[in-house]
PDB file of N, CA and C in Angstrom:
ATOM      1  N   MET A   1    -140.368  69.252-150.879  1.00  0.00           N
ATOM      2  CA  MET A   1    -139.902  68.481-149.737  1.00  0.00           C
ATOM      3  C   MET A   1    -138.416  68.174-149.933  1.00  0.00           C
ATOM      4  N   LYS A   2    -137.643  68.393-148.921  1.00  0.00           N
ATOM      5  CA  LYS A   2    -136.207  68.163-148.996  1.00  0.00           C
ATOM      6  C   LYS A   2    -135.923  66.660-148.922  1.00  0.00           C
ATOM      7  N   THR A   3    -135.063  66.206-149.810  1.00  0.00           N
ATOM      8  CA  THR A   3    -134.703  64.788-149.840  1.00  0.00           C
ATOM      9  C   THR A   3    -133.426  64.583-149.026  1.00  0.00           C
ATOM     10  N   ASN A   4    -133.443  63.613-148.152  1.00  0.00           N
ATOM     11  CA  ASN A   4    -132.268  63.295-147.354  1.00  0.00           C
ATOM     12  C   ASN A   4    -131.558  62.135-148.032  1.00  0.00           C
ATOM     13  N   LYS A   5    -130.608  62.466-148.914  1.00  0.00           N
ATOM     14  CA  LYS A   5    -129.942  61.453-149.732  1.00  0.00           C
ATOM     15  C   LYS A   5    -129.153  60.459-148.886  1.00  0.00           C
ATOM     16  N   ARG A   6    -128.525  60.927-147.832  1.00  0.00           N
ATOM     17  CA  ARG A   6    -127.725  60.015-146.999  1.00  0.00           C
ATOM     18  C   ARG A   6    -128.625  58.980-146.331  1.00  0.00           C
ATOM     19  N   PHE A   7    -129.797  59.410-145.865  1.00  0.00           N
ATOM     20  CA  PHE A   7    -130.745  58.484-145.238  1.00  0.00           C
ATOM     21  C   PHE A   7    -131.211  57.429-146.237  1.00  0.00           C
ATOM     22  N   ILE A   8    -131.560  57.877-147.433  1.00  0.00           N
ATOM     23  CA  ILE A   8    -132.056  56.952-148.455  1.00  0.00           C
ATOM     24  C   ILE A   8    -130.963  55.956-148.847  1.00  0.00           C
ATOM     25  N   LYS A   9    -129.735  56.434-149.012  1.00  0.00           N
ATOM     26  CA  LYS A   9    -128.636  55.537-149.341  1.00  0.00           C
ATOM     27  C   LYS A   9    -128.416  54.516-148.228  1.00  0.00           C
ATOM     28  N   GLY A  10    -128.551  54.949-146.980  1.00  0.00           N
ATOM     29  CA  GLY A  10    -128.402  54.039-145.852  1.00  0.00           C
ATOM     30  C   GLY A  10    -129.473  52.962-145.829  1.00  0.00           C
ATOM     31  N   VAL A  11    -130.695  53.350-146.117  1.00  0.00           N
ATOM     32  CA  VAL A  11    -131.811  52.396-146.145  1.00  0.00           C
ATOM     33  C   VAL A  11    -131.603  51.376-147.268  1.00  0.00           C
ATOM     34  N   ILE A  12    -131.194  51.853-148.433  1.00  0.00           N
ATOM     35  CA  ILE A  12    -130.966  50.953-149.565  1.00  0.00           C
ATOM     36  C   ILE A  12    -129.820  49.990-149.264  1.00  0.00           C
ATOM     37  N   ALA A  13    -128.756  50.492-148.635  1.00  0.00           N
ATOM     38  CA  ALA A  13    -127.623  49.635-148.288  1.00  0.00           C
ATOM     39  C   ALA A  13    -128.026  48.573-147.264  1.00  0.00           C
ATOM     40  N   ALA A  14    -128.830  48.974-146.275  1.00  0.00           N
ATOM     41  CA  ALA A  14    -129.282  48.021-145.255  1.00  0.00           C
ATOM     42  C   ALA A  14    -130.184  46.950-145.872  1.00  0.00           C
ATOM     43  N   ALA A  15    -131.053  47.340-146.796  1.00  0.00           N
ATOM     44  CA  ALA A  15    -131.938  46.381-147.454  1.00  0.00           C
ATOM     45  C   ALA A  15    -131.142  45.421-148.330  1.00  0.00           C
ATOM     46  N   ALA A  16    -130.078  45.907-148.950  1.00  0.00           N
ATOM     47  CA  ALA A  16    -129.281  45.058-149.843  1.00  0.00           C
ATOM     48  C   ALA A  16    -128.503  43.992-149.063  1.00  0.00           C
ATOM     49  N   LYS A  17    -128.069  44.302-147.848  1.00  0.00           N
ATOM     50  CA  LYS A  17    -127.284  43.323-147.097  1.00  0.00           C
ATOM     51  C   LYS A  17    -128.131  42.432-146.187  1.00  0.00           C
ATOM     52  N   GLU A  18    -129.422  42.654-146.150  1.00  0.00           N
ATOM     53  CA  GLU A  18    -130.326  41.828-145.343  1.00  0.00           C
ATOM     54  C   GLU A  18    -130.444  40.456-145.979  1.00  0.00           C
ATOM     55  N   GLU A  19    -130.323  39.412-145.182  1.00  0.00           N
ATOM     56  CA  GLU A  19    -130.388  38.053-145.712  1.00  0.00           C
ATOM     57  C   GLU A  19    -131.423  37.224-144.972  1.00  0.00           C
ATOM     58  N   THR A  20    -132.660  37.641-145.062  1.00  0.00           N
ATOM     59  CA  THR A  20    -133.750  36.912-144.444  1.00  0.00           C
ATOM     60  C   THR A  20    -134.013  35.643-145.242  1.00  0.00           C
ATOM     61  N   VAL A  21    -134.074  34.534-144.557  1.00  0.00           N
ATOM     62  CA  VAL A  21    -134.300  33.252-145.222  1.00  0.00           C
ATOM     63  C   VAL A  21    -135.798  32.959-145.201  1.00  0.00           C
ATOM     64  N   MET A  22    -136.350  32.769-146.372  1.00  0.00           N
ATOM     65  CA  MET A  22    -137.763  32.450-146.487  1.00  0.00           C
ATOM     66  C   MET A  22    -137.955  30.936-146.441  1.00  0.00           C
ATOM     67  N   PRO A  23    -139.076  30.478-145.889  1.00  0.00           N
ATOM     68  CA  PRO A  23    -139.294  29.029-145.755  1.00  0.00           C
ATOM     69  C   PRO A  23    -139.273  28.278-147.091  1.00  0.00           C
ATOM     70  N   TRP A  24    -139.642  28.942-148.169  1.00  0.00           N
ATOM     71  CA  TRP A  24    -139.693  28.269-149.456  1.00  0.00           C
ATOM     72  C   TRP A  24    -138.378  28.373-150.225  1.00  0.00           C
ATOM     73  N   ALA A  25    -137.366  28.951-149.609  1.00  0.00           N
ATOM     74  CA  ALA A  25    -136.067  29.103-150.271  1.00  0.00           C
ATOM     75  C   ALA A  25    -135.412  27.744-150.498  1.00  0.00           C
ATOM     76  N   ARG A  26    -134.650  27.630-151.548  1.00  0.00           N
ATOM     77  CA  ARG A  26    -133.931  26.394-151.866  1.00  0.00           C
ATOM     78  C   ARG A  26    -132.732  26.271-150.949  1.00  0.00           C
ATOM     79  N   GLY A  27    -132.280  25.062-150.699  1.00  0.00           N
ATOM     80  CA  GLY A  27    -131.074  24.894-149.920  1.00  0.00           C
ATOM     81  C   GLY A  27    -131.171  23.749-148.939  1.00  0.00           C
ATOM     82  N   ALA A  28    -130.196  23.693-148.047  1.00  0.00           N
ATOM     83  CA  ALA A  28    -130.081  22.592-147.094  1.00  0.00           C
ATOM     84  C   ALA A  28    -131.271  22.543-146.140  1.00  0.00           C
ATOM     85  N   ARG A  29    -131.744  23.698-145.705  1.00  0.00           N
ATOM     86  CA  ARG A  29    -132.868  23.730-144.770  1.00  0.00           C
ATOM     87  C   ARG A  29    -134.117  23.111-145.396  1.00  0.00           C
ATOM     88  N   ARG A  30    -134.362  23.447-146.657  1.00  0.00           N
ATOM     89  CA  ARG A  30    -135.535  22.909-147.351  1.00  0.00           C
ATOM     90  C   ARG A  30    -135.379  21.407-147.573  1.00  0.00           C
ATOM     91  N   ALA A  31    -134.187  20.979-147.955  1.00  0.00           N
ATOM     92  CA  ALA A  31    -133.933  19.555-148.187  1.00  0.00           C
ATOM     93  C   ALA A  31    -134.135  18.756-146.904  1.00  0.00           C
ATOM     94  N   ALA A  32    -133.701  19.313-145.775  1.00  0.00           N
ATOM     95  CA  ALA A  32    -133.882  18.624-144.493  1.00  0.00           C
ATOM     96  C   ALA A  32    -135.363  18.516-144.149  1.00  0.00           C
ATOM     97  N   PHE A  33    -136.124  19.558-144.413  1.00  0.00           N
ATOM     98  CA  PHE A  33    -137.561  19.534-144.138  1.00  0.00           C
ATOM     99  C   PHE A  33    -138.255  18.481-144.994  1.00  0.00           C
ATOM    100  N   ILE A  34    -137.902  18.416-146.277  1.00  0.00           N
ATOM    101  CA  ILE A  34    -138.528  17.449-147.176  1.00  0.00           C
ATOM    102  C   ILE A  34    -138.169  16.025-146.762  1.00  0.00           C
ATOM    103  N   ALA A  35    -136.919  15.799-146.367  1.00  0.00           N
ATOM    104  CA  ALA A  35    -136.507  14.465-145.921  1.00  0.00           C
ATOM    105  C   ALA A  35    -137.263  14.051-144.665  1.00  0.00           C
ATOM    106  N   LYS A  36    -137.446  14.998-143.748  1.00  0.00           N
ATOM    107  CA  LYS A  36    -138.185  14.710-142.513  1.00  0.00           C
ATOM    108  C   LYS A  36    -139.644  14.373-142.836  1.00  0.00           C
ATOM    109  N   ARG A  37    -140.228  15.145-143.736  1.00  0.00           N
ATOM    110  CA  ARG A  37    -141.622  14.913-144.124  1.00  0.00           C
ATOM    111  C   ARG A  37    -141.772  13.557-144.795  1.00  0.00           C
ATOM    112  N   ASN A  38    -140.850  13.203-145.683  1.00  0.00           N
ATOM    113  CA  ASN A  38    -140.914  11.906-146.373  1.00  0.00           C
ATOM    114  C   ASN A  38    -140.722  10.757-145.390  1.00  0.00           C
ATOM    115  N   ALA A  39    -139.857  10.926-144.395  1.00  0.00           N
ATOM    116  CA  ALA A  39    -139.638   9.885-143.393  1.00  0.00           C
ATOM    117  C   ALA A  39    -140.905   9.655-142.564  1.00  0.00           C
ATOM    118  N   GLN A  40    -141.581  10.727-142.230  1.00  0.00           N
ATOM    119  CA  GLN A  40    -142.808  10.607-141.443  1.00  0.00           C
ATOM    120  C   GLN A  40    -143.896   9.925-142.265  1.00  0.00           C
ATOM    121  N   THR A  41    -143.975  10.243-143.535  1.00  0.00           N
ATOM    122  CA  THR A  41    -144.966   9.628-144.410  1.00  0.00           C
ATOM    123  C   THR A  41    -144.692   8.137-144.556  1.00  0.00           C
ATOM    124  N   ALA A  42    -143.440   7.770-144.742  1.00  0.00           N
ATOM    125  CA  ALA A  42    -143.059   6.357-144.891  1.00  0.00           C
ATOM    126  C   ALA A  42    -143.345   5.598-143.594  1.00  0.00           C
ATOM    127  N   GLU A  43    -143.115   6.265-142.464  1.00  0.00           N
ATOM    128  CA  GLU A  43    -143.349   5.619-141.165  1.00  0.00           C
ATOM    129  C   GLU A  43    -144.837   5.342-140.974  1.00  0.00           C
ATOM    130  N   ARG A  44    -145.667   6.257-141.392  1.00  0.00           N
ATOM    131  CA  ARG A  44    -147.125   6.073-141.254  1.00  0.00           C
ATOM    132  C   ARG A  44    -147.621   4.947-142.150  1.00  0.00           C
ATOM    133  N   LYS A  45    -147.050   4.858-143.361  1.00  0.00           N
ATOM    134  CA  LYS A  45    -147.482   3.821-144.296  1.00  0.00           C
ATOM    135  C   LYS A  45    -147.061   2.439-143.833  1.00  0.00           C
ATOM    136  N   SER A  46    -145.900   2.338-143.172  1.00  0.00           N
ATOM    137  CA  SER A  46    -145.408   1.025-142.736  1.00  0.00           C
ATOM    138  C   SER A  46    -146.078   0.563-141.447  1.00  0.00           C
ATOM    139  N   ALA A  47    -146.676   1.476-140.717  1.00  0.00           N
ATOM    140  CA  ALA A  47    -147.310   1.106-139.442  1.00  0.00           C
ATOM    141  C   ALA A  47    -148.688   0.547-139.623  1.00  0.00           C
TER     142      ALA A  47
END
């Protein structure tokens, strides 16, 4: 089977520059979610 090196290099390059953010990733988004969750928990306990 003939290998298409240019295609494979293109696929690898595209995969390397992809920056999909996963929900469990560390960072500001996760910190905001945890703060929101803690605020809701505190609100329920005080009510």
